[in-house]
Amino acid sequence: MNKEELRSAFYGVFGKTEEPPVTVFSPGRVNLIGEHTDYNGGHVFPAALTIGTYFAARKRKDRLVRFFSGNFPENGVVCRSLDALSYDPEYGFSNYLMGMIFALQTVKGFEVTAGLDVYLWGNIPNASGLSSSASVELGMGKVLAALFDFPVDNGELALLGQYSENHYNGVNCGIMDQFAIAMGKKDHAIFLDTATLDYQYVPIRLNGMKIVISCTNKKRGLADSKYNERRLECETALAELQKVAKIGSLGELTVERFNALSDEIKDPVRMRRARHAVYENQRTVEAVKLLNAGDVAGFGQLMNASHVSLRDDYEVTGIELDTLAEASWEVPGVLGARMTGAGFGGCAVAIVRDEAVDGYIRHVGEKYRKTVGYEAAFYVVETGDGTYVF
């Protein structure tokens, strides 16, 4: 969607004025490897995508905040007030938007002095694991910064997005989604140490290959999934290990040290959860080394191992994601495939040779339909830049 189309859609809902609305694009993201490590102090390797959420917004002369989603026109205009910032489940997606107002005022002390009209439309599959919620949060943050001249950069907006999700929307997420969406760079992924926020851009050199995302079309919400339960299990396991080891997070442990200490975790389920966090972190570090060395095949093997760990130790896959990954592994020309995102539905990601893409989509689609009973959706994607005004 270009600027003219976006403004035209905005005018169709809210009417035209002399002052045009500000326009913002906020991408989705895919995590190539490093799942459920971000809240465990480990490393992640996400990339922003060229699909995402488009915003057009302007100030009002009162304290009313009005939202319209081009994806859900049947919901009409959702009206909220700056004088009633509390989370309200009846207002659905607008809580992600209001949460950014809450975060900017609570954390930074920035006052939103006027209401807003906000139009948004996205081409990220909803609730897919490509982080549509964080895309909306960062886009709203950028809108607010542009309209009210708030002095915040994209790195700060990422932290505010996480704060909003944790403290307003009640999802105990880590920083990966917001950071990747805010700080993305075209043709690169971000190797991020979530414990320190140190990061480096790593070129994605997939000569003769494509990133293909397959969507389960199973809707799920993080807050009502087992996401928060998994985080608590890891926190409990960490507390048990801290009785005998001076560590601040599971991400500090090598595989060898974890194996030496794992008997201190008294519950076998918690042990498996912690084992995934430690092993996945080490896989991510090694995977980036392989990609930097041009060993995409080795990188792909670690993607496969990541999915197995998420399936068996972390138990966040399910028949839908397992079918997508396992069907992918059957296709010649697939270098690696795994679930991506929080799990419990959502998407899988694969690296596929160019000549195999059509056959890959056909085979995996047929296998999924026969096993699950409905269609998967497929997207051949490219990496893009982080949230920006255009």
Protein backbone atom coordinates (compact mmCIF):
# COMPACT_ATOMS: atom_id res chain seq x y z
CA MET A 1 0.00 0.00 0.00
CA ASN A 2 1.50 3.34 -1.01
CA LYS A 3 1.00 6.70 0.71
CA GLU A 4 -1.77 7.87 -1.61
CA GLU A 5 -3.77 4.66 -1.19
CA LEU A 6 -3.33 4.80 2.57
CA ARG A 7 -4.42 8.41 2.85
CA SER A 8 -7.39 7.74 0.58
CA ALA A 9 -8.49 4.88 2.85
CA PHE A 10 -8.08 7.15 5.88
CA TYR A 11 -10.19 9.91 4.28
CA GLY A 12 -12.88 7.38 3.42
CA VAL A 13 -13.36 6.67 7.12
CA PHE A 14 -12.51 9.92 8.88
CA GLY A 15 -12.98 12.58 6.20
CA LYS A 16 -10.50 14.87 4.50
CA THR A 17 -8.85 17.89 6.09
CA GLU A 18 -6.28 20.38 4.88
CA GLU A 19 -3.56 18.80 7.03
CA PRO A 20 -2.77 15.28 5.71
CA PRO A 21 -2.34 12.40 8.15
CA VAL A 22 1.10 11.12 9.09
CA THR A 23 1.83 7.73 7.50
CA VAL A 24 3.89 4.95 9.07
CA PHE A 25 4.92 1.41 8.13
CA SER A 26 5.72 -1.16 10.82
CA PRO A 27 6.93 -4.59 9.67
CA GLY A 28 6.22 -8.06 10.88
CA ARG A 29 9.13 -10.25 11.80
CA VAL A 30 10.31 -13.82 11.44
CA ASN A 31 12.70 -15.45 13.85
CA LEU A 32 15.10 -17.70 11.95
CA ILE A 33 16.34 -19.46 15.10
CA GLY A 34 16.41 -18.82 18.85
CA GLU A 35 12.89 -19.46 20.14
CA HIS A 36 11.76 -18.85 23.73
CA THR A 37 15.28 -17.70 24.56
CA ASP A 38 14.58 -13.97 24.73
CA TYR A 39 13.00 -14.01 28.18
CA ASN A 40 15.69 -16.46 29.34
CA GLY A 41 18.59 -14.07 28.72
CA GLY A 42 19.73 -15.81 25.55
CA HIS A 43 20.31 -14.94 21.91
CA VAL A 44 17.79 -14.61 19.10
CA PHE A 45 18.13 -14.18 15.34
CA PRO A 46 15.09 -12.41 13.89
CA ALA A 47 14.58 -10.34 10.75
CA ALA A 48 12.03 -7.68 9.91
CA LEU A 49 9.89 -8.42 6.85
CA THR A 50 8.47 -6.39 4.00
CA ILE A 51 4.95 -7.33 5.10
CA GLY A 52 3.54 -5.45 8.05
CA THR A 53 1.08 -2.82 9.25
CA TYR A 54 0.34 0.53 7.61
CA PHE A 55 -0.88 3.51 9.66
CA ALA A 56 -2.41 6.87 8.80
CA ALA A 57 -3.19 9.17 11.74
CA ARG A 58 -3.91 12.76 12.64
CA LYS A 59 -4.67 14.73 15.80
CA ARG A 60 -8.16 15.63 16.95
CA LYS A 61 -9.30 18.69 18.91
CA ASP A 62 -10.75 16.62 21.77
CA ARG A 63 -9.56 13.65 23.89
CA LEU A 64 -11.27 10.97 21.85
CA VAL A 65 -9.11 8.28 20.24
CA ARG A 66 -10.75 6.61 17.25
CA PHE A 67 -9.38 3.52 15.51
CA PHE A 68 -10.45 1.82 12.31
CA SER A 69 -8.94 -1.43 11.02
CA GLY A 70 -9.10 -1.94 7.28
CA ASN A 71 -8.75 -5.67 7.99
CA PHE A 72 -11.90 -5.77 10.14
CA PRO A 73 -14.23 -3.13 8.65
CA GLU A 74 -17.22 -4.93 10.12
CA ASN A 75 -16.09 -3.71 13.57
CA GLY A 76 -16.54 -0.10 12.50
CA VAL A 77 -14.79 2.75 14.28
CA VAL A 78 -13.58 1.81 17.76
CA CYS A 79 -13.77 4.78 20.14
CA ARG A 80 -11.60 5.11 23.24
CA SER A 81 -10.72 8.06 25.49
CA LEU A 82 -7.43 9.44 26.76
CA ASP A 83 -9.18 9.74 30.11
CA ALA A 84 -9.82 5.98 30.27
CA LEU A 85 -6.53 4.28 29.49
CA SER A 86 -7.23 1.02 31.33
CA TYR A 87 -7.07 -2.29 29.45
CA ASP A 88 -10.51 -3.47 28.38
CA PRO A 89 -10.89 -6.87 26.66
CA GLU A 90 -14.09 -5.74 24.96
CA TYR A 91 -12.06 -3.38 22.79
CA GLY A 92 -9.93 -6.08 21.16
CA PHE A 93 -7.00 -4.96 19.00
CA SER A 94 -7.22 -1.34 20.17
CA ASN A 95 -5.65 -2.39 23.47
CA TYR A 96 -2.31 -2.77 21.68
CA LEU A 97 -2.66 0.80 20.46
CA MET A 98 -3.84 2.30 23.73
CA GLY A 99 -1.07 0.41 25.49
CA MET A 100 1.55 2.50 23.70
CA ILE A 101 -0.09 5.72 24.93
CA PHE A 102 -0.01 4.21 28.42
CA ALA A 103 3.67 3.23 28.07
CA LEU A 104 4.83 6.59 26.72
CA GLN A 105 3.08 8.44 29.53
CA THR A 106 3.99 6.00 32.30
CA VAL A 107 7.63 5.30 31.42
CA LYS A 108 8.73 8.48 29.64
CA GLY A 109 6.33 11.02 31.12
CA PHE A 110 5.26 12.17 27.66
CA GLU A 111 1.74 13.56 27.61
CA VAL A 112 -0.55 12.81 24.72
CA THR A 113 -2.40 16.14 24.71
CA ALA A 114 -4.98 15.50 22.01
CA GLY A 115 -7.11 12.70 20.70
CA LEU A 116 -6.39 10.88 17.44
CA ASP A 117 -7.99 9.38 14.38
CA VAL A 118 -6.02 6.26 13.40
CA TYR A 119 -6.51 4.06 10.34
CA LEU A 120 -4.50 0.85 10.10
CA TRP A 121 -4.30 -2.00 7.63
CA GLY A 122 -1.94 -4.94 7.64
CA ASN A 123 -0.89 -7.80 5.39
CA ILE A 124 0.54 -9.95 8.20
CA PRO A 125 -1.62 -13.04 8.79
CA ASN A 126 -3.48 -12.31 12.03
CA ALA A 127 -2.31 -14.27 15.12
CA SER A 128 0.20 -16.09 12.90
CA GLY A 129 3.39 -15.90 14.94
CA LEU A 130 4.87 -13.17 12.69
CA SER A 131 4.20 -10.70 15.48
CA SER A 132 1.27 -8.68 14.27
CA SER A 133 0.73 -7.38 17.83
CA ALA A 134 4.25 -5.98 18.15
CA SER A 135 3.99 -4.53 14.64
CA VAL A 136 0.87 -2.64 15.75
CA GLU A 137 2.55 -1.48 18.97
CA LEU A 138 5.65 -0.13 17.24
CA GLY A 139 3.62 1.49 14.50
CA MET A 140 1.47 3.27 17.05
CA GLY A 141 4.56 4.35 18.95
CA LYS A 142 6.01 5.84 15.77
CA VAL A 143 2.72 7.62 15.03
CA LEU A 144 2.68 9.18 18.50
CA ALA A 145 6.34 10.21 18.28
CA ALA A 146 5.74 11.86 14.89
CA LEU A 147 2.52 13.68 15.80
CA PHE A 148 3.61 14.93 19.23
CA ASP A 149 7.36 15.36 18.56
CA PHE A 150 8.34 12.91 21.29
CA PRO A 151 12.15 12.52 21.37
CA VAL A 152 12.32 8.71 21.24
CA ASP A 153 14.34 6.56 18.86
CA ASN A 154 13.38 3.13 17.58
CA GLY A 155 15.39 1.35 20.26
CA GLU A 156 13.45 3.15 22.97
CA LEU A 157 10.18 2.42 21.19
CA ALA A 158 11.05 -1.29 21.24
CA LEU A 159 11.41 -1.22 25.03
CA LEU A 160 8.18 0.74 25.35
CA GLY A 161 6.40 -1.82 23.18
CA GLN A 162 7.58 -4.60 25.47
CA TYR A 163 6.50 -2.60 28.52
CA SER A 164 3.08 -2.08 26.97
CA GLU A 165 2.65 -5.78 26.23
CA ASN A 166 3.82 -6.82 29.72
CA HIS A 167 2.07 -4.21 31.86
CA TYR A 168 -0.98 -3.26 29.80
CA ASN A 169 -1.90 -6.31 27.74
CA GLY A 170 -0.77 -8.90 30.27
CA VAL A 171 1.57 -10.92 28.03
CA ASN A 172 4.89 -11.62 29.73
CA CYS A 173 6.87 -11.46 26.47
CA GLY A 174 10.56 -10.83 25.99
CA ILE A 175 12.12 -8.10 23.87
CA MET A 176 12.74 -9.95 20.59
CA ASP A 177 9.60 -9.08 18.65
CA GLN A 178 9.62 -5.38 19.39
CA PHE A 179 13.38 -5.07 18.87
CA ALA A 180 13.35 -6.85 15.51
CA ILE A 181 10.44 -4.77 14.25
CA ALA A 182 11.92 -1.48 15.42
CA MET A 183 15.53 -2.13 14.40
CA GLY A 184 15.22 -4.26 11.27
CA LYS A 185 17.52 -3.73 8.29
CA LYS A 186 16.87 -4.81 4.71
CA ASP A 187 18.73 -7.98 3.65
CA HIS A 188 19.91 -8.58 7.20
CA ALA A 189 18.87 -10.44 10.34
CA ILE A 190 19.67 -9.23 13.86
CA PHE A 191 21.86 -11.31 16.16
CA LEU A 192 20.64 -10.00 19.49
CA ASP A 193 21.85 -10.78 23.01
CA THR A 194 18.63 -10.25 24.92
CA ALA A 195 20.46 -10.04 28.25
CA THR A 196 22.48 -6.96 27.24
CA LEU A 197 20.68 -5.75 24.06
CA ASP A 198 24.04 -5.88 22.28
CA TYR A 199 23.35 -6.70 18.65
CA GLN A 200 24.88 -6.99 15.23
CA TYR A 201 23.41 -7.07 11.76
CA VAL A 202 24.19 -10.25 9.85
CA PRO A 203 23.76 -10.25 6.06
CA ILE A 204 21.28 -12.82 4.75
CA ARG A 205 23.09 -14.31 1.76
CA LEU A 206 20.67 -16.87 0.40
CA ASN A 207 21.96 -17.10 -3.15
CA GLY A 208 19.57 -19.31 -5.06
CA MET A 209 17.32 -19.78 -2.02
CA LYS A 210 14.17 -18.25 -0.56
CA ILE A 211 12.66 -17.85 2.89
CA VAL A 212 9.20 -19.41 2.79
CA ILE A 213 6.73 -18.99 5.63
CA SER A 214 3.85 -21.41 6.02
CA CYS A 215 0.92 -20.35 8.16
CA THR A 216 -1.18 -22.92 10.03
CA ASN A 217 -4.25 -20.69 9.89
CA LYS A 218 -4.86 -21.75 13.49
CA LYS A 219 -5.62 -18.65 15.50
CA ARG A 220 -4.18 -18.30 18.96
CA GLY A 221 -3.50 -15.50 21.44
CA LEU A 222 -0.39 -15.40 23.58
CA ALA A 223 -2.13 -14.22 26.72
CA ASP A 224 -4.53 -17.17 26.79
CA SER A 225 -2.01 -19.77 25.60
CA LYS A 226 0.57 -21.56 27.70
CA TYR A 227 3.17 -18.86 26.91
CA ASN A 228 3.12 -17.34 30.38
CA GLU A 229 3.17 -20.84 31.89
CA ARG A 230 6.36 -21.71 30.00
CA ARG A 231 8.02 -18.55 31.20
CA LEU A 232 7.12 -19.33 34.82
CA GLU A 233 8.49 -22.87 34.44
CA CYS A 234 11.82 -21.46 33.25
CA GLU A 235 11.91 -18.89 36.03
CA THR A 236 11.31 -21.62 38.62
CA ALA A 237 14.03 -23.82 37.11
CA LEU A 238 16.42 -20.87 37.16
CA ALA A 239 15.67 -20.24 40.84
CA GLU A 240 16.52 -23.87 41.60
CA LEU A 241 19.83 -23.60 39.74
CA GLN A 242 20.67 -20.31 41.45
CA LYS A 243 20.79 -22.14 44.79
CA VAL A 244 24.04 -23.77 43.65
CA ALA A 245 25.32 -21.51 40.84
CA LYS A 246 25.88 -17.78 40.51
CA ILE A 247 23.91 -17.11 37.34
CA GLY A 248 21.46 -14.42 36.36
CA SER A 249 19.71 -16.27 33.53
CA LEU A 250 19.56 -19.62 31.77
CA GLY A 251 21.21 -17.95 28.80
CA GLU A 252 24.48 -17.71 30.74
CA LEU A 253 24.88 -21.49 30.85
CA THR A 254 26.83 -23.59 28.37
CA VAL A 255 25.43 -26.99 27.49
CA GLU A 256 28.16 -28.65 29.53
CA ARG A 257 27.52 -26.61 32.66
CA PHE A 258 23.79 -27.08 32.39
CA ASN A 259 24.20 -30.84 32.14
CA ALA A 260 26.37 -30.78 35.25
CA LEU A 261 23.76 -28.79 37.19
CA SER A 262 20.48 -30.11 35.81
CA ASP A 263 19.84 -32.54 38.68
CA GLU A 264 19.16 -29.47 40.84
CA ILE A 265 15.92 -28.96 38.89
CA LYS A 266 13.56 -31.21 40.81
CA ASP A 267 10.74 -31.51 38.31
CA PRO A 268 11.43 -33.35 35.00
CA VAL A 269 9.12 -31.05 33.06
CA ARG A 270 10.93 -27.94 34.31
CA MET A 271 14.23 -29.62 33.47
CA ARG A 272 13.15 -30.12 29.88
CA ARG A 273 11.97 -26.50 29.62
CA ALA A 274 15.31 -25.23 30.92
CA ARG A 275 17.24 -27.64 28.70
CA HIS A 276 15.52 -26.21 25.64
CA ALA A 277 16.37 -22.65 26.69
CA VAL A 278 20.05 -23.50 27.17
CA TYR A 279 20.48 -25.73 24.12
CA GLU A 280 18.51 -23.36 21.86
CA ASN A 281 20.70 -20.47 22.89
CA GLN A 282 23.82 -22.42 21.98
CA ARG A 283 22.25 -23.50 18.67
CA THR A 284 21.57 -19.86 17.86
CA VAL A 285 25.15 -18.79 18.54
CA GLU A 286 26.46 -21.63 16.38
CA ALA A 287 23.90 -21.03 13.63
CA VAL A 288 24.99 -17.43 13.16
CA LYS A 289 28.62 -18.54 12.91
CA LEU A 290 27.64 -21.01 10.20
CA LEU A 291 25.63 -18.42 8.27
CA ASN A 292 28.50 -15.94 8.43
CA ALA A 293 30.74 -18.66 7.01
CA GLY A 294 28.31 -19.26 4.17
CA ASP A 295 27.23 -22.69 5.46
CA VAL A 296 23.49 -22.40 4.87
CA ALA A 297 23.09 -26.18 4.94
CA GLY A 298 24.60 -26.33 8.43
CA PHE A 299 22.37 -23.46 9.48
CA GLY A 300 19.38 -25.40 8.19
CA GLN A 301 20.28 -28.50 10.21
CA LEU A 302 20.24 -26.40 13.36
CA MET A 303 16.80 -25.05 12.38
CA ASN A 304 15.58 -28.66 12.23
CA ALA A 305 17.09 -29.42 15.64
CA SER A 306 15.44 -26.31 17.03
CA HIS A 307 12.02 -27.56 15.99
CA VAL A 308 12.60 -30.98 17.55
CA SER A 309 13.55 -29.31 20.83
CA LEU A 310 10.49 -27.06 20.71
CA ARG A 311 8.36 -30.12 20.03
CA ASP A 312 9.80 -32.49 22.62
CA ASP A 313 11.32 -30.37 25.41
CA TYR A 314 9.30 -27.16 25.26
CA GLU A 315 6.06 -28.67 23.92
CA VAL A 316 4.81 -25.61 22.06
CA THR A 317 4.26 -27.06 18.58
CA GLY A 318 1.18 -29.25 18.16
CA ILE A 319 -0.04 -31.21 15.17
CA GLU A 320 -0.31 -28.17 12.90
CA LEU A 321 3.25 -26.90 13.28
CA ASP A 322 4.70 -30.43 13.44
CA THR A 323 2.98 -31.32 10.19
CA LEU A 324 4.38 -28.23 8.45
CA ALA A 325 7.93 -28.86 9.69
CA GLU A 326 7.97 -32.61 9.13
CA ALA A 327 6.45 -32.30 5.65
CA SER A 328 9.09 -29.66 4.86
CA TRP A 329 11.90 -32.05 5.80
CA GLU A 330 10.60 -34.52 3.20
CA VAL A 331 11.13 -32.10 0.29
CA PRO A 332 14.41 -32.18 -1.64
CA GLY A 333 15.77 -28.65 -1.79
CA VAL A 334 14.69 -27.71 1.74
CA LEU A 335 17.76 -26.84 3.78
CA GLY A 336 15.94 -26.42 7.10
CA ALA A 337 12.51 -25.80 8.58
CA ARG A 338 11.08 -25.06 12.00
CA MET A 339 8.20 -23.41 13.80
CA THR A 340 8.72 -19.70 14.40
CA GLY A 341 7.21 -17.47 17.06
CA ALA A 342 5.64 -18.51 20.33
CA GLY A 343 4.06 -21.68 18.98
CA PHE A 344 0.60 -23.10 19.74
CA GLY A 345 -0.29 -22.42 16.10
CA GLY A 346 1.10 -19.62 14.00
CA CYS A 347 3.78 -20.22 11.40
CA ALA A 348 6.75 -22.28 10.33
CA VAL A 349 9.73 -20.97 8.38
CA ALA A 350 11.85 -22.81 5.83
CA ILE A 351 14.87 -22.11 3.66
CA VAL A 352 14.13 -23.54 0.22
CA ARG A 353 16.14 -23.65 -2.99
CA ASP A 354 14.58 -21.53 -5.73
CA GLU A 355 13.82 -24.45 -8.02
CA ALA A 356 12.07 -26.34 -5.21
CA VAL A 357 9.73 -23.59 -3.99
CA ASP A 358 6.70 -24.54 -6.10
CA GLY A 359 7.04 -28.23 -5.29
CA TYR A 360 7.58 -27.41 -1.64
CA ILE A 361 4.35 -25.42 -1.40
CA ARG A 362 2.44 -28.15 -3.25
CA HIS A 363 3.78 -31.05 -1.12
CA VAL A 364 3.53 -29.35 2.26
CA GLY A 365 0.11 -27.92 1.42
CA GLU A 366 -1.28 -31.34 0.43
CA LYS A 367 0.21 -33.07 3.47
CA TYR A 368 -1.15 -30.39 5.79
CA ARG A 369 -4.64 -30.50 4.29
CA LYS A 370 -4.82 -34.29 4.60
CA THR A 371 -3.49 -34.32 8.17
CA VAL A 372 -5.12 -31.24 9.69
CA GLY A 373 -8.26 -30.93 7.58
CA TYR A 374 -7.94 -27.38 6.26
CA GLU A 375 -5.58 -25.28 4.18
CA ALA A 376 -2.25 -23.74 5.15
CA ALA A 377 -1.13 -20.46 3.58
CA PHE A 378 2.33 -19.81 2.13
CA TYR A 379 4.38 -16.63 1.80
CA VAL A 380 7.70 -16.18 0.03
CA VAL A 381 9.14 -13.27 2.00
CA GLU A 382 11.99 -10.80 1.95
CA THR A 383 13.70 -9.02 4.82
CA GLY A 384 13.09 -5.29 5.23
CA ASP A 385 13.68 -2.22 7.36
CA GLY A 386 12.35 -1.43 10.82
CA THR A 387 9.39 0.84 11.62
CA TYR A 388 9.50 4.17 9.76
CA VAL A 389 7.52 7.23 8.70
CA PHE A 390 7.03 7.50 4.95
